[in-house]
């Protein structure tokens, strides 16, 4: 496969990961966690992050041996072509379904919370066209742009969380462990797919400046997004209380419409542009990864040319649900549970096969 002309450094990769996974605090992921864990959702996300160390460590251990290969090449080498192609096809299906669900959710957020008079298909088309343009520019450009806007996006997020804490009550987070430690531990394992993006991030290992930088970026990113999501989950509970927050599909957007600054009555107008920038980075990167995986699976050298077609496909699939606010929400939870075994077992399988071949000595 054709390698990227440029390399992605540590800071660019960290920026991409923070903006892609960190953006989950702004969709219905908090609603799913609150429904399962009530006020202890922030503890649950920490447990999910801790449990995710296992598959991520196994992946890094495997890539330590095959530093010049990406996930596609390693899967085909360790699992053989028949089974390896089947595994890659399953990953491609999972990735396509995930993008369809997520893009439908974000289009619904824009349509229901901000542009209520604009047809959904128009919003969807604009979103995917913009992201397709960004993805077509290449991984290096995505990383550079993500790094250039990271500070301003996180500054706006910090301001939003600060105002949320000031106008909320921290007493609402008690009891800390909600329905019990056992439920949090079990939920931490069954919901690990929230961080399954790290599995797909290994597709760009050869595009990193070097392997040591990639490993460092992975661990730094995991710590940052775990803490960031935990803080956001605490903030939403502190503002709304754990019973009302469970009835909100998009707590972040409800929060920025609820908090107030005396000199700025419509404060959501301050945060919305920065959220849109993070949204464009996220789906530009996901489109690039999907095209890369599709090209590797079907031996298409210039996989970038697939991006507009994939974006069109996602628009056609994403507009099918009539009421995504509820239909996608109820479909996403079982989908996340289905992806969790893949995120947990595939790295284990690759590690075991590498050890059987004698490539991993320890």
Protein backbone atom coordinates (compact mmCIF):
# COMPACT_ATOMS: atom_id res chain seq x y z
CA UNK A 1 0.00 0.00 0.00
CA UNK A 2 1.14 3.50 -0.74
CA UNK A 3 2.57 5.24 2.32
CA UNK A 4 1.70 8.77 3.30
CA UNK A 5 4.01 11.40 1.87
CA UNK A 6 4.17 13.07 5.28
CA UNK A 7 4.47 11.78 8.79
CA UNK A 8 2.22 12.38 11.77
CA UNK A 9 4.10 13.46 14.88
CA UNK A 10 3.22 12.85 18.51
CA UNK A 11 1.40 16.13 19.04
CA UNK A 12 -0.63 15.78 15.83
CA UNK A 13 -1.66 12.23 16.67
CA UNK A 14 -2.60 13.20 20.23
CA UNK A 15 -4.66 16.09 18.88
CA UNK A 16 -6.53 13.76 16.50
CA UNK A 17 -7.26 11.21 19.24
CA UNK A 18 -8.38 13.84 21.76
CA UNK A 19 -10.71 15.47 19.26
CA UNK A 20 -12.17 12.18 17.97
CA UNK A 21 -12.67 10.21 21.18
CA UNK A 22 -13.09 13.30 23.36
CA UNK A 23 -15.98 14.39 21.16
CA UNK A 24 -17.99 11.47 22.55
CA UNK A 25 -18.83 13.61 25.56
CA UNK A 26 -20.96 15.73 23.22
CA UNK A 27 -23.09 12.97 21.67
CA UNK A 28 -25.34 10.37 23.31
CA UNK A 29 -22.47 8.43 24.96
CA UNK A 30 -23.07 10.19 28.32
CA UNK A 31 -26.78 9.34 28.04
CA UNK A 32 -25.93 5.64 27.58
CA UNK A 33 -23.59 5.69 30.57
CA UNK A 34 -26.05 7.57 32.80
CA UNK A 35 -28.79 5.08 31.94
CA UNK A 36 -26.53 2.22 33.04
CA UNK A 37 -24.64 3.74 35.98
CA UNK A 38 -26.65 6.83 37.07
CA UNK A 39 -24.46 9.30 38.95
CA UNK A 40 -21.51 6.85 38.94
CA UNK A 41 -21.06 7.15 35.17
CA UNK A 42 -17.82 9.09 35.70
CA UNK A 43 -16.41 6.22 37.78
CA UNK A 44 -17.52 3.77 35.10
CA UNK A 45 -15.63 5.64 32.35
CA UNK A 46 -12.48 5.50 34.48
CA UNK A 47 -12.92 1.74 34.88
CA UNK A 48 -13.48 1.44 31.11
CA UNK A 49 -10.24 3.32 30.53
CA UNK A 50 -8.36 1.07 32.96
CA UNK A 51 -9.69 -2.13 31.40
CA UNK A 52 -8.85 -0.79 27.93
CA UNK A 53 -5.19 -0.83 28.92
CA UNK A 54 -5.16 -4.60 28.37
CA UNK A 55 -6.04 -4.75 24.64
CA UNK A 56 -4.06 -1.57 23.93
CA UNK A 57 -0.97 -3.00 25.64
CA UNK A 58 -1.32 -6.22 23.65
CA UNK A 59 -1.60 -4.24 20.41
CA UNK A 60 1.47 -2.18 21.22
CA UNK A 61 3.35 -5.36 22.15
CA UNK A 62 2.53 -6.86 18.77
CA UNK A 63 3.46 -3.69 16.90
CA UNK A 64 6.78 -3.62 18.73
CA UNK A 65 7.70 -6.66 16.67
CA UNK A 66 6.26 -5.46 13.35
CA UNK A 67 7.21 -1.79 13.37
CA UNK A 68 6.97 -1.36 9.61
CA UNK A 69 3.47 -2.82 9.29
CA UNK A 70 -0.04 -1.53 9.96
CA UNK A 71 -3.03 -3.43 11.29
CA UNK A 72 -4.02 -4.75 7.84
CA UNK A 73 -0.61 -6.26 7.14
CA UNK A 74 -0.26 -7.73 10.63
CA UNK A 75 -3.70 -9.38 10.53
CA UNK A 76 -2.97 -10.98 7.14
CA UNK A 77 0.48 -12.13 8.27
CA UNK A 78 -0.57 -13.61 11.62
CA UNK A 79 -3.99 -15.01 10.75
CA UNK A 80 -3.41 -16.05 7.15
CA UNK A 81 -5.19 -14.69 4.11
CA UNK A 82 -8.57 -16.50 4.28
CA UNK A 83 -9.29 -15.82 7.95
CA UNK A 84 -7.36 -12.54 7.93
CA UNK A 85 -9.47 -11.14 5.10
CA UNK A 86 -12.61 -12.21 6.98
CA UNK A 87 -11.44 -10.38 10.11
CA UNK A 88 -10.60 -7.26 8.09
CA UNK A 89 -13.99 -7.39 6.39
CA UNK A 90 -15.68 -7.56 9.80
CA UNK A 91 -13.64 -4.55 10.94
CA UNK A 92 -14.67 -2.68 7.80
CA UNK A 93 -18.35 -3.43 8.45
CA UNK A 94 -17.99 -2.34 12.09
CA UNK A 95 -16.27 0.87 11.01
CA UNK A 96 -18.92 1.67 8.40
CA UNK A 97 -21.78 1.01 10.81
CA UNK A 98 -20.09 3.12 13.49
CA UNK A 99 -19.61 6.07 11.12
CA UNK A 100 -23.21 5.78 9.90
CA UNK A 101 -24.55 5.76 13.47
CA UNK A 102 -22.29 8.56 14.71
CA UNK A 103 -22.81 10.82 11.71
CA UNK A 104 -26.56 10.32 11.98
CA UNK A 105 -26.41 11.27 15.66
CA UNK A 106 -24.37 14.41 15.04
CA UNK A 107 -26.59 15.47 12.17
CA UNK A 108 -29.57 15.01 14.47
CA UNK A 109 -27.86 17.18 17.10
CA UNK A 110 -27.30 19.98 14.60
CA UNK A 111 -30.84 19.65 13.23
CA UNK A 112 -32.74 19.42 16.51
CA UNK A 113 -30.66 21.79 18.64
CA UNK A 114 -29.47 24.49 16.25
CA UNK A 115 -30.87 24.43 12.68
CA UNK A 116 -34.41 23.18 13.23
CA UNK A 117 -35.77 24.45 9.90
CA UNK A 118 -33.08 22.93 7.67
CA UNK A 119 -33.85 19.51 6.11
CA UNK A 120 -31.83 16.68 7.60
CA UNK A 121 -30.53 15.48 4.26
CA UNK A 122 -29.09 18.95 3.55
CA UNK A 123 -27.29 19.07 6.89
CA UNK A 124 -26.04 15.52 6.38
CA UNK A 125 -24.76 16.29 2.88
CA UNK A 126 -22.94 19.43 4.02
CA UNK A 127 -21.34 17.58 6.95
CA UNK A 128 -20.07 14.64 4.91
CA UNK A 129 -19.00 16.79 1.94
CA UNK A 130 -16.89 18.97 4.23
CA UNK A 131 -15.39 15.95 5.97
CA UNK A 132 -14.72 14.21 2.66
CA UNK A 133 -12.81 17.29 1.50
CA UNK A 134 -10.74 17.21 4.69
CA UNK A 135 -10.09 13.47 4.44
CA UNK A 136 -9.05 13.82 0.80
CA UNK A 137 -6.36 16.28 1.87
CA UNK A 138 -4.56 13.44 3.62
CA UNK A 139 -3.57 12.36 7.10
CA UNK A 140 -0.79 14.90 7.50
CA UNK A 141 -3.17 17.80 6.81
CA UNK A 142 -5.78 16.39 9.19
CA UNK A 143 -3.16 16.12 11.94
CA UNK A 144 -1.78 19.61 11.35
CA UNK A 145 -5.23 21.19 11.40
CA UNK A 146 -6.22 19.21 14.51
CA UNK A 147 -3.15 20.45 16.35
CA UNK A 148 -3.67 24.06 15.23
CA UNK A 149 -7.23 24.23 16.62
CA UNK A 150 -6.81 21.94 19.64
CA UNK A 151 -6.00 24.74 22.09
CA UNK A 152 -9.03 26.84 21.15
CA UNK A 153 -11.42 23.90 21.23
CA UNK A 154 -10.17 22.79 24.63
CA UNK A 155 -10.24 26.36 25.91
CA UNK A 156 -13.92 26.62 24.98
CA UNK A 157 -14.56 23.22 26.58
CA UNK A 158 -12.73 24.29 29.75
CA UNK A 159 -14.89 27.41 29.97
CA UNK A 160 -18.06 25.36 29.46
CA UNK A 161 -17.08 22.85 32.17
CA UNK A 162 -16.03 25.64 34.55
CA UNK A 163 -19.37 27.41 34.20
CA UNK A 164 -21.18 24.09 34.57
CA UNK A 165 -19.40 23.34 37.85
CA UNK A 166 -20.02 26.84 39.19
CA UNK A 167 -23.74 26.66 38.43
CA UNK A 168 -24.15 23.03 39.54
CA UNK A 169 -24.01 21.20 42.87
CA UNK A 170 -21.30 18.61 43.49
CA UNK A 171 -23.52 16.97 46.11
CA UNK A 172 -25.40 15.35 43.22
CA UNK A 173 -22.46 13.00 42.46
CA UNK A 174 -23.01 11.06 45.70
CA UNK A 175 -23.07 8.13 46.27
CA UNK A 176 -19.84 7.87 44.30
CA UNK A 177 -20.30 4.25 43.24
CA UNK A 178 -23.97 4.47 42.33
CA UNK A 179 -25.57 1.04 42.44
CA UNK A 180 -22.36 -0.65 43.58
CA UNK A 181 -18.76 -1.44 42.68
CA UNK A 182 -19.67 -4.79 41.11
CA UNK A 183 -21.95 -3.16 38.56
CA UNK A 184 -19.29 -0.59 37.70
CA UNK A 185 -16.65 -3.28 37.20
CA UNK A 186 -18.94 -5.38 35.02
CA UNK A 187 -20.03 -2.33 33.08
CA UNK A 188 -16.42 -1.27 32.62
CA UNK A 189 -15.70 -4.53 30.80
CA UNK A 190 -18.92 -4.71 28.76
CA UNK A 191 -18.60 -1.11 27.53
CA UNK A 192 -14.93 -1.11 26.52
CA UNK A 193 -15.96 -0.46 22.91
CA UNK A 194 -16.19 3.24 23.81
CA UNK A 195 -12.41 3.19 23.38
CA UNK A 196 -12.39 0.71 20.47
CA UNK A 197 -11.22 3.57 18.24
CA UNK A 198 -7.69 2.77 19.44
CA UNK A 199 -7.88 -0.51 17.53
CA UNK A 200 -8.56 1.35 14.28
CA UNK A 201 -5.88 3.94 15.05
CA UNK A 202 -3.26 1.23 14.52
CA UNK A 203 -4.04 1.45 10.80
CA UNK A 204 -1.81 4.53 10.67
CA UNK A 205 1.19 3.15 12.60
CA UNK A 206 3.49 3.34 9.53
CA UNK A 207 2.54 7.00 9.15
CA UNK A 208 3.88 7.92 12.60
CA UNK A 209 7.25 9.64 12.87
CA UNK A 210 8.57 6.57 14.68
CA UNK A 211 7.23 3.70 16.73
CA UNK A 212 8.31 5.11 20.09
CA UNK A 213 6.44 8.33 19.39
CA UNK A 214 3.31 6.37 18.43
CA UNK A 215 3.37 4.39 21.69
CA UNK A 216 3.84 7.55 23.73
CA UNK A 217 0.98 9.24 21.90
CA UNK A 218 -1.35 6.28 22.52
CA UNK A 219 -0.81 6.24 26.29
CA UNK A 220 -0.96 10.02 26.67
CA UNK A 221 -4.16 10.15 24.62
CA UNK A 222 -5.81 7.36 26.63
CA UNK A 223 -5.12 9.17 29.91
CA UNK A 224 -6.31 12.53 28.60
CA UNK A 225 -9.59 11.34 27.06
CA UNK A 226 -10.42 9.20 30.12
CA UNK A 227 -9.95 12.11 32.51
CA UNK A 228 -11.72 14.49 30.12
CA UNK A 229 -14.79 12.26 29.78
CA UNK A 230 -14.89 11.67 33.56
CA UNK A 231 -14.84 15.42 34.27
CA UNK A 232 -17.60 16.04 31.73
CA UNK A 233 -19.77 13.30 33.25
CA UNK A 234 -19.30 14.81 36.72
CA UNK A 235 -20.17 18.26 35.39
CA UNK A 236 -23.42 17.15 33.77
CA UNK A 237 -24.58 15.38 36.93
CA UNK A 238 -23.63 18.39 39.06
CA UNK A 239 -25.71 20.64 36.81
CA UNK A 240 -28.83 18.52 36.25
CA UNK A 241 -28.79 15.88 39.05
CA UNK A 242 -28.53 12.19 38.17
CA UNK A 243 -32.25 11.54 37.65
CA UNK A 244 -33.01 14.44 35.24
CA UNK A 245 -29.73 13.90 33.34
CA UNK A 246 -30.81 10.38 32.40
CA UNK A 247 -33.69 11.87 30.42
CA UNK A 248 -31.39 14.01 28.24
CA UNK A 249 -30.20 12.55 24.95
CA UNK A 250 -27.40 15.10 24.51
CA UNK A 251 -26.37 16.42 27.95
CA UNK A 252 -23.50 18.57 26.65
CA UNK A 253 -25.70 20.62 24.36
CA UNK A 254 -28.39 20.94 27.00
CA UNK A 255 -25.70 22.12 29.42
CA UNK A 256 -24.33 24.89 27.19
CA UNK A 257 -27.89 26.11 26.63
CA UNK A 258 -28.57 26.05 30.36
CA UNK A 259 -25.48 27.81 31.72
CA UNK A 260 -25.45 31.60 31.65
CA UNK A 261 -23.06 34.54 31.41
CA UNK A 262 -24.56 37.94 32.14
CA UNK A 263 -22.95 39.65 29.15
CA UNK A 264 -23.65 36.77 26.73
CA UNK A 265 -27.30 35.61 26.72
CA UNK A 266 -26.90 32.98 23.95
CA UNK A 267 -23.76 31.32 25.25
CA UNK A 268 -24.20 28.24 23.05
CA UNK A 269 -23.24 30.45 20.10
CA UNK A 270 -19.77 30.70 21.67
CA UNK A 271 -19.22 26.93 21.85
CA UNK A 272 -21.04 25.74 18.73
CA UNK A 273 -18.36 26.79 16.16
CA UNK A 274 -15.59 25.05 18.11
CA UNK A 275 -17.72 21.92 18.43
CA UNK A 276 -18.27 21.96 14.66
CA UNK A 277 -14.52 22.13 14.04
CA UNK A 278 -13.97 19.08 16.27
CA UNK A 279 -16.80 17.36 14.43
CA UNK A 280 -15.16 17.95 11.04
CA UNK A 281 -11.82 16.64 12.30
CA UNK A 282 -13.45 13.53 13.72
CA UNK A 283 -15.29 12.44 10.60
CA UNK A 284 -12.51 13.49 8.25
CA UNK A 285 -10.22 11.15 10.15
CA UNK A 286 -12.80 8.36 10.25
CA UNK A 287 -13.42 8.66 6.51
CA UNK A 288 -9.68 8.44 5.90
CA UNK A 289 -9.36 5.32 8.09
CA UNK A 290 -12.33 3.67 6.39
CA UNK A 291 -10.91 4.34 2.93
CA UNK A 292 -7.52 3.06 4.07
CA UNK A 293 -9.06 -0.16 5.40
CA UNK A 294 -11.22 -0.58 2.30
CA UNK A 295 -8.20 -0.07 0.06
CA UNK A 296 -6.11 -2.55 2.00
CA UNK A 297 -8.85 -5.16 1.95
CA UNK A 298 -9.56 -4.91 -1.78
CA UNK A 299 -6.00 -4.01 -2.87
CA UNK A 300 -6.78 -0.48 -4.04
CA UNK A 301 -3.55 1.49 -4.11
CA UNK A 302 -4.99 5.00 -4.43
CA UNK A 303 -7.56 4.56 -1.67
CA UNK A 304 -8.04 8.33 -1.26
CA UNK A 305 -10.26 8.33 -4.35
CA UNK A 306 -12.74 6.16 -2.44
CA UNK A 307 -13.47 8.88 0.12
CA UNK A 308 -16.21 10.80 -1.81
CA UNK A 309 -18.02 7.55 -2.64
CA UNK A 310 -17.86 6.38 0.98
CA UNK A 311 -19.14 9.75 2.20
CA UNK A 312 -22.07 9.52 -0.22
CA UNK A 313 -22.83 6.00 0.97
CA UNK A 314 -22.89 7.11 4.61
CA UNK A 315 -25.31 9.93 3.78
CA UNK A 316 -27.67 7.51 2.02
CA UNK A 317 -27.55 5.07 4.94
CA UNK A 318 -27.69 7.74 7.64
CA UNK A 319 -30.92 9.38 6.45
CA UNK A 320 -32.82 6.07 6.59
CA UNK A 321 -33.80 6.25 10.31
CA UNK A 322 -36.94 8.38 10.62
CA UNK A 323 -36.31 9.50 14.20
CA UNK A 324 -32.58 9.12 14.95
CA UNK A 325 -32.88 10.78 18.35
CA UNK A 326 -34.57 7.63 19.65
CA UNK A 327 -34.07 4.90 17.05
CA UNK A 328 -30.28 5.33 16.78
CA UNK A 329 -29.98 5.67 20.55
CA UNK A 330 -31.59 2.27 21.13
CA UNK A 331 -29.55 0.66 18.34
CA UNK A 332 -26.19 2.09 19.43
CA UNK A 333 -26.16 0.44 22.87
CA UNK A 334 -26.36 -3.18 21.58
CA UNK A 335 -23.90 -2.26 18.81
CA UNK A 336 -21.38 -1.10 21.41
CA UNK A 337 -21.82 -4.35 23.32
CA UNK A 338 -21.22 -6.31 20.12
CA UNK A 339 -18.00 -4.43 19.36
CA UNK A 340 -16.55 -4.91 22.86
CA UNK A 341 -15.53 -8.59 22.33
CA UNK A 342 -13.83 -7.61 19.06
CA UNK A 343 -11.82 -4.88 20.80
CA UNK A 344 -10.86 -7.26 23.59
CA UNK A 345 -10.29 -10.55 21.74
CA UNK A 346 -8.62 -9.47 18.48
CA UNK A 347 -5.52 -8.01 20.19
CA UNK A 348 -5.33 -11.17 22.33
CA UNK A 349 -5.54 -13.34 19.21
CA UNK A 350 -2.85 -11.35 17.41
CA UNK A 351 -0.57 -11.51 20.44
CA UNK A 352 -1.04 -15.27 20.83
CA UNK A 353 -0.43 -15.92 17.13
CA UNK A 354 2.69 -13.76 17.20
CA UNK A 355 3.95 -15.72 20.18
CA UNK A 356 3.19 -19.04 18.45
CA UNK A 357 5.21 -17.90 15.43
CA UNK A 358 8.07 -17.09 17.79
CA UNK A 359 8.12 -13.38 16.99
CA UNK A 360 7.32 -12.33 20.57
CA UNK A 361 9.84 -13.76 23.00
CA UNK A 362 8.43 -12.44 26.28
